[in-house]
Amino acid sequence: MGPRILTVDPWNPEPDIIGKASELLLSGRLVAFPTETVYGLGANGLDPLAAARIFAAKGRPADNPLILHFYRLSGVEEVAFVPPQAKRLMELFWPGPLTLVLPSKGVVPAEVTAGLDSVAVRMPSHPVALALIERTGLPVAAPSANSSGRPSPTDAQAVASDLGRGVDLILDGGKTSVGVESTVLDVTGERVVLLRPGGCSVEEIETRAGVEVLLTGGGIHRSPGTRYRHYAPRIPLILDIDVEAYFQKDAIGRLRKGRVAWIGMRAPDIFPGEIGNDPELCLLFNSLENYARGLFHALRTFEDAGAELIVAQWPPSPAGLGRALRDRLARASMKE
């Protein structure tokens, strides 16, 4: 028997359903819910035992910090020091796919912060997420609702497939709109540093906020999703820029006649003819936004379709969502 799934209106969440989910969170249980980026696995962010259940359910390394989710700015000030630069970023980009790493006031359990002196915070824009956090009245700790290292879930079925009975309730609010996780910025020092690219582009942050975002130099240990293999399907994934060298290996030659999937923004034209010829194993997107929105779902779809290998197009530019896509594809194609 799988986990309990309740369908919820993504624009006007039913109060009784939100109430049931909130009661579970307040009792220390786990609730998966949609955000604009991916589905999150939520727990009471001030309860160390509840936070520990997240790590157990996901198989997540204990030194990988969690993000706390809020529905109001004032709630952040109760757990973290908020410098003027961080407050301006919140006012400009919240609610939305931007996470800020701030100096902690020591209120948040070490199980959430991974024992660090900083805490990651964000305000999602999805109505279901906001309603749940507001009803609970506490910050909700929520990494992506998948087994550690797997592609992040962009629908409720992916959550159920990965976590099974490890989650007490799944709120099904349909597919997520962004498809990749939030951007993470380190604002604990004088300079703003990118820790993880995501749904809020560096270019937009610099233009609207009038700040320079350093692309290196931050402590990546402060951010989730930066030190381990992530987003990986159960079958090998390689990048189109590496495919010729990959297929030259004799041990892999058998895949020339196997089921090779393709994902990207254009049809393959320089690879063995088998790639991309099967409509079931070829997904093309007409924009970077749609590529990001559909990436994780596509990886899971190819698994289910019996593909033996996935070849993914490397975004030609790091601008905008291209930076986030490059990050996710690079981590998904990493070796253990």
Protein backbone atom coordinates (compact mmCIF):
# COMPACT_ATOMS: atom_id res chain seq x y z
CA MET A 1 0.00 0.00 0.00
CA GLY A 2 1.38 3.39 -1.02
CA PRO A 3 1.34 6.71 0.80
CA ARG A 4 -1.86 8.68 1.27
CA ILE A 5 -2.37 11.21 -1.54
CA LEU A 6 -4.88 14.05 -1.37
CA THR A 7 -5.63 16.12 -4.46
CA VAL A 8 -5.65 19.83 -3.67
CA ASP A 9 -6.68 22.81 -5.79
CA PRO A 10 -3.34 24.43 -6.74
CA TRP A 11 -4.82 27.93 -6.86
CA ASN A 12 -7.40 27.78 -4.08
CA PRO A 13 -6.23 25.13 -1.61
CA GLU A 14 -9.13 23.60 0.34
CA PRO A 15 -8.87 24.65 4.03
CA ASP A 16 -9.83 21.21 5.33
CA ILE A 17 -7.08 19.50 3.35
CA ILE A 18 -4.51 22.09 4.39
CA GLY A 19 -5.68 21.65 7.98
CA LYS A 20 -5.10 17.88 7.89
CA ALA A 21 -1.61 18.38 6.47
CA SER A 22 -0.80 21.02 9.06
CA GLU A 23 -1.87 18.75 11.91
CA LEU A 24 0.53 16.10 10.67
CA LEU A 25 3.41 18.58 10.53
CA LEU A 26 2.67 19.82 14.05
CA SER A 27 2.67 16.24 15.30
CA GLY A 28 6.15 15.63 13.89
CA ARG A 29 5.14 13.79 10.71
CA LEU A 30 6.23 14.31 7.08
CA VAL A 31 4.10 15.93 4.38
CA ALA A 32 5.11 16.28 0.73
CA PHE A 33 3.72 19.35 -1.02
CA PRO A 34 4.17 21.26 -4.28
CA THR A 35 6.21 24.41 -4.61
CA GLU A 36 6.77 26.38 -7.80
CA THR A 37 10.15 24.63 -8.24
CA VAL A 38 9.77 20.95 -7.26
CA TYR A 39 7.83 18.99 -4.63
CA GLY A 40 9.20 19.38 -1.11
CA LEU A 41 9.29 16.90 1.78
CA GLY A 42 8.13 19.00 4.71
CA ALA A 43 8.59 18.73 8.45
CA ASN A 44 8.36 21.08 11.42
CA GLY A 45 11.56 23.08 11.00
CA LEU A 46 11.95 23.66 14.74
CA ASP A 47 11.55 19.99 15.72
CA PRO A 48 14.86 18.07 15.59
CA LEU A 49 13.15 14.67 15.60
CA ALA A 50 10.91 15.65 12.70
CA ALA A 51 13.91 16.94 10.77
CA ALA A 52 15.71 13.67 11.42
CA ARG A 53 12.77 11.84 9.81
CA ILE A 54 13.43 13.76 6.58
CA PHE A 55 16.99 12.48 6.45
CA ALA A 56 15.85 8.93 7.17
CA ALA A 57 13.08 8.99 4.56
CA LYS A 58 15.35 10.35 1.83
CA GLY A 59 18.55 8.54 2.75
CA ARG A 60 20.09 12.00 2.87
CA PRO A 61 23.59 12.63 4.27
CA ALA A 62 23.34 14.32 7.67
CA ASP A 63 25.85 17.02 6.68
CA ASN A 64 23.55 18.31 3.92
CA PRO A 65 21.55 21.25 5.38
CA LEU A 66 17.83 21.77 4.83
CA ILE A 67 16.00 24.88 3.64
CA LEU A 68 13.45 26.51 5.92
CA HIS A 69 10.30 27.76 4.20
CA PHE A 70 8.34 30.81 5.42
CA TYR A 71 5.15 32.64 4.49
CA ARG A 72 6.13 36.03 5.95
CA LEU A 73 9.37 38.02 6.10
CA SER A 74 9.11 38.67 9.81
CA GLY A 75 9.34 34.95 10.50
CA VAL A 76 12.85 34.85 9.07
CA GLU A 77 14.03 37.47 11.54
CA GLU A 78 13.08 35.16 14.39
CA VAL A 79 15.67 32.57 13.35
CA ALA A 80 18.33 34.51 11.43
CA PHE A 81 20.14 37.83 11.25
CA VAL A 82 18.91 39.65 8.14
CA PRO A 83 21.38 42.23 6.77
CA PRO A 84 20.00 45.08 4.61
CA GLN A 85 21.24 43.45 1.41
CA ALA A 86 19.38 40.24 2.20
CA LYS A 87 16.20 42.12 3.09
CA ARG A 88 16.26 43.90 -0.25
CA LEU A 89 16.60 40.58 -2.08
CA MET A 90 13.64 39.21 -0.13
CA GLU A 91 11.51 42.23 -0.99
CA LEU A 92 12.37 41.95 -4.68
CA PHE A 93 12.24 38.20 -5.26
CA TRP A 94 9.99 36.69 -2.59
CA PRO A 95 7.81 34.80 -2.88
CA GLY A 96 9.77 32.95 -5.54
CA PRO A 97 12.57 30.49 -6.34
CA LEU A 98 15.35 32.21 -4.37
CA THR A 99 16.98 30.82 -1.21
CA LEU A 100 19.21 32.97 0.98
CA VAL A 101 21.82 31.63 3.38
CA LEU A 102 21.90 33.89 6.46
CA PRO A 103 23.74 33.96 9.80
CA SER A 104 21.76 31.85 12.26
CA LYS A 105 20.55 33.08 15.65
CA GLY A 106 20.93 29.57 17.03
CA VAL A 107 17.19 28.92 17.23
CA VAL A 108 17.07 26.36 14.43
CA PRO A 109 18.04 22.79 15.39
CA ALA A 110 21.42 21.48 14.27
CA GLU A 111 19.58 18.70 12.43
CA VAL A 112 18.27 21.37 10.04
CA THR A 113 21.42 23.47 9.69
CA ALA A 114 23.78 20.45 9.62
CA GLY A 115 25.52 22.02 12.60
CA LEU A 116 26.47 25.18 10.72
CA ASP A 117 26.27 28.75 12.00
CA SER A 118 24.07 29.65 9.04
CA VAL A 119 20.55 28.81 7.95
CA ALA A 120 19.01 28.63 4.46
CA VAL A 121 15.62 30.32 4.06
CA ARG A 122 13.09 30.97 1.32
CA MET A 123 9.46 31.86 0.64
CA PRO A 124 7.86 29.73 -2.08
CA SER A 125 5.26 31.24 -4.38
CA HIS A 126 3.02 28.19 -4.79
CA PRO A 127 -0.40 28.81 -3.15
CA VAL A 128 -0.48 25.30 -1.61
CA ALA A 129 2.93 25.72 -0.02
CA LEU A 130 2.11 29.17 1.35
CA ALA A 131 -1.24 28.02 2.73
CA LEU A 132 0.35 25.05 4.46
CA ILE A 133 3.17 27.07 6.02
CA GLU A 134 0.79 29.80 7.18
CA ARG A 135 -1.66 27.28 8.69
CA THR A 136 1.18 25.47 10.49
CA GLY A 137 2.46 28.74 11.95
CA LEU A 138 6.06 27.53 11.96
CA PRO A 139 8.90 27.42 9.44
CA VAL A 140 8.74 24.22 7.41
CA ALA A 141 11.98 22.42 6.59
CA ALA A 142 11.68 20.93 3.12
CA PRO A 143 14.26 19.49 0.74
CA SER A 144 13.07 17.92 -2.51
CA ALA A 145 10.69 15.01 -1.90
CA ASN A 146 12.76 12.28 -3.53
CA SER A 147 15.27 9.64 -2.54
CA SER A 148 18.66 11.28 -2.13
CA GLY A 149 20.48 11.54 -5.45
CA ARG A 150 17.42 10.85 -7.63
CA PRO A 151 15.83 13.33 -10.06
CA SER A 152 13.75 15.82 -8.11
CA PRO A 153 9.98 15.21 -8.26
CA THR A 154 7.83 17.58 -10.26
CA ASP A 155 4.56 15.73 -9.63
CA ALA A 156 2.98 13.75 -6.80
CA GLN A 157 3.41 10.38 -8.52
CA ALA A 158 7.20 10.79 -8.56
CA VAL A 159 7.11 11.47 -4.80
CA ALA A 160 5.09 8.32 -4.16
CA SER A 161 7.36 6.24 -6.37
CA ASP A 162 10.51 7.34 -4.55
CA LEU A 163 9.43 7.64 -0.93
CA GLY A 164 6.54 5.20 -0.61
CA ARG A 165 5.40 4.89 3.01
CA GLY A 166 8.30 7.06 4.13
CA VAL A 167 6.01 10.07 3.79
CA ASP A 168 2.77 10.37 5.78
CA LEU A 169 0.83 12.48 3.27
CA ILE A 170 1.31 13.83 -0.25
CA LEU A 171 -0.59 16.91 -1.36
CA ASP A 172 -1.14 16.55 -5.10
CA GLY A 173 -1.28 20.04 -6.60
CA GLY A 174 -0.37 19.00 -10.13
CA LYS A 175 2.91 19.55 -11.94
CA THR A 176 5.32 22.23 -10.78
CA SER A 177 5.90 25.27 -12.99
CA VAL A 178 9.66 25.89 -12.75
CA GLY A 179 10.98 22.32 -12.64
CA VAL A 180 14.40 22.96 -11.08
CA GLU A 181 15.19 23.91 -7.50
CA SER A 182 15.66 27.41 -6.16
CA THR A 183 18.74 29.53 -6.65
CA VAL A 184 20.83 29.66 -3.47
CA LEU A 185 22.80 32.78 -2.54
CA ASP A 186 25.22 33.14 0.37
CA VAL A 187 24.64 36.53 1.97
CA THR A 188 26.47 35.89 5.23
CA GLY A 189 29.33 38.18 4.20
CA GLU A 190 29.81 41.51 2.46
CA ARG A 191 29.55 40.00 -1.03
CA VAL A 192 26.68 38.02 -2.52
CA VAL A 193 27.90 34.60 -3.67
CA LEU A 194 26.10 32.04 -5.83
CA LEU A 195 26.04 28.62 -4.17
CA ARG A 196 23.54 26.90 -6.47
CA PRO A 197 22.00 28.17 -9.71
CA GLY A 198 18.27 27.64 -10.01
CA GLY A 199 14.92 29.09 -10.94
CA CYS A 200 15.94 32.72 -10.34
CA SER A 201 18.66 33.73 -12.79
CA VAL A 202 21.86 35.50 -11.80
CA GLU A 203 21.24 38.08 -14.53
CA GLU A 204 17.82 38.98 -13.14
CA ILE A 205 19.18 39.24 -9.60
CA GLU A 206 22.00 41.56 -10.66
CA THR A 207 19.75 43.73 -12.82
CA ARG A 208 16.87 44.17 -10.39
CA ALA A 209 18.84 44.31 -7.15
CA GLY A 210 21.82 46.23 -8.49
CA VAL A 211 24.32 43.85 -6.88
CA GLU A 212 27.15 41.76 -8.25
CA VAL A 213 26.73 38.04 -7.72
CA LEU A 214 30.05 36.25 -7.40
CA LEU A 215 29.97 32.88 -9.15
CA THR A 216 32.63 31.34 -6.91
CA GLY A 217 34.01 31.85 -3.44
CA GLY A 218 31.16 30.82 -1.18
CA GLY A 219 31.16 27.91 1.24
CA ILE A 220 29.26 25.26 -0.73
CA HIS A 221 28.81 23.28 2.49
CA ARG A 222 26.26 25.94 3.44
CA SER A 223 23.95 24.96 0.60
CA PRO A 224 21.95 21.81 -0.13
CA GLY A 225 22.53 19.98 -3.37
CA THR A 226 26.13 21.02 -4.01
CA ARG A 227 28.50 18.32 -2.74
CA TYR A 228 26.97 15.01 -3.80
CA ARG A 229 25.79 13.34 -6.98
CA HIS A 230 22.25 14.55 -7.52
CA TYR A 231 19.36 14.39 -9.94
CA ALA A 232 20.55 11.08 -11.44
CA PRO A 233 18.31 8.51 -13.14
CA ARG A 234 18.89 4.80 -12.56
CA ILE A 235 20.34 4.45 -16.05
CA PRO A 236 23.49 6.21 -17.31
CA LEU A 237 23.16 9.81 -18.47
CA ILE A 238 25.80 11.43 -20.64
CA LEU A 239 26.06 14.83 -22.30
CA ASP A 240 26.01 15.29 -26.06
CA ILE A 241 29.44 16.94 -25.86
CA ASP A 242 30.83 13.67 -24.46
CA VAL A 243 28.91 11.18 -26.56
CA GLU A 244 31.49 10.40 -29.26
CA ALA A 245 34.14 9.40 -26.72
CA TYR A 246 31.53 7.41 -24.80
CA PHE A 247 30.45 5.35 -27.80
CA GLN A 248 34.05 4.60 -28.79
CA LYS A 249 34.40 2.42 -25.69
CA ASP A 250 34.03 -1.23 -26.71
CA ALA A 251 32.23 -2.08 -23.49
CA ILE A 252 29.45 0.32 -24.43
CA GLY A 253 29.25 -0.59 -28.10
CA ARG A 254 26.25 -2.83 -27.54
CA LEU A 255 24.16 0.26 -26.83
CA ARG A 256 24.47 1.28 -30.47
CA LYS A 257 21.67 -1.21 -31.07
CA GLY A 258 19.98 -0.63 -27.72
CA ARG A 259 17.42 1.90 -26.58
CA VAL A 260 19.14 5.27 -26.37
CA ALA A 261 17.05 8.27 -25.30
CA TRP A 262 17.60 11.90 -26.26
CA ILE A 263 16.55 15.09 -24.52
CA GLY A 264 17.26 18.67 -25.55
CA MET A 265 16.15 21.61 -27.65
CA ARG A 266 17.13 20.24 -31.06
CA ALA A 267 17.18 16.84 -32.73
CA PRO A 268 20.48 14.90 -32.58
CA ASP A 269 22.51 15.06 -35.78
CA ILE A 270 26.03 13.80 -35.09
CA PHE A 271 25.45 10.61 -33.15
CA PRO A 272 24.69 6.97 -33.99
CA GLY A 273 21.46 6.77 -35.95
CA GLU A 274 19.60 4.96 -33.22
CA ILE A 275 19.60 8.03 -30.96
CA GLY A 276 16.44 10.07 -31.23
CA ASN A 277 14.75 7.85 -33.85
CA ASP A 278 12.28 6.37 -31.36
CA PRO A 279 9.59 9.00 -30.66
CA GLU A 280 9.02 7.45 -27.23
CA LEU A 281 12.65 8.15 -26.35
CA CYS A 282 13.09 11.63 -27.83
CA LEU A 283 11.88 14.76 -26.05
CA LEU A 284 12.50 18.20 -27.55
CA PHE A 285 11.72 21.53 -25.87
CA ASN A 286 11.23 24.89 -27.55
CA SER A 287 12.78 27.00 -24.78
CA LEU A 288 15.19 26.82 -21.87
CA GLU A 289 12.23 27.37 -19.55
CA ASN A 290 10.46 24.29 -20.90
CA TYR A 291 13.68 22.27 -20.89
CA ALA A 292 14.07 23.05 -17.19
CA ARG A 293 10.38 22.43 -16.48
CA GLY A 294 10.45 19.00 -18.13
CA LEU A 295 13.96 17.71 -17.41
CA PHE A 296 13.38 15.67 -14.26
CA HIS A 297 10.07 14.27 -15.49
CA ALA A 298 11.76 13.22 -18.73
CA LEU A 299 14.53 11.36 -16.93
CA ARG A 300 11.97 9.35 -14.99
CA THR A 301 9.89 8.77 -18.13
CA PHE A 302 12.89 7.34 -19.98
CA GLU A 303 13.55 4.95 -17.10
CA ASP A 304 10.01 3.64 -17.26
CA ALA A 305 10.19 3.33 -21.06
CA GLY A 306 13.13 0.92 -20.85
CA ALA A 307 15.92 3.16 -22.13
CA GLU A 308 19.45 1.87 -21.54
CA LEU A 309 21.16 5.26 -21.86
CA ILE A 310 20.13 8.92 -21.90
CA VAL A 311 21.96 11.52 -23.97
CA ALA A 312 21.20 15.11 -22.96
CA GLN A 313 21.94 18.27 -24.90
CA TRP A 314 24.32 20.60 -23.07
CA PRO A 315 22.77 24.11 -23.03
CA PRO A 316 24.92 26.26 -25.33
CA SER A 317 24.91 29.25 -22.98
CA PRO A 318 25.01 29.63 -19.19
CA ALA A 319 22.74 32.66 -19.36
CA GLY A 320 19.42 32.56 -17.53
CA LEU A 321 18.12 29.08 -16.83
CA GLY A 322 20.96 27.67 -18.91
CA ARG A 323 23.20 27.93 -15.84
CA ALA A 324 20.79 25.89 -13.71
CA LEU A 325 20.32 23.31 -16.46
CA ARG A 326 24.07 22.91 -16.88
CA ASP A 327 24.41 22.39 -13.14
CA ARG A 328 21.68 19.73 -12.99
CA LEU A 329 22.91 17.86 -16.06
CA ALA A 330 26.52 17.91 -14.87
CA ARG A 331 25.55 16.47 -11.46
CA ALA A 332 23.20 13.89 -12.99
CA SER A 333 25.98 12.63 -15.24
CA MET A 334 28.61 12.43 -12.49
CA LYS A 335 30.08 9.10 -11.52
CA GLU A 336 29.63 7.97 -7.94
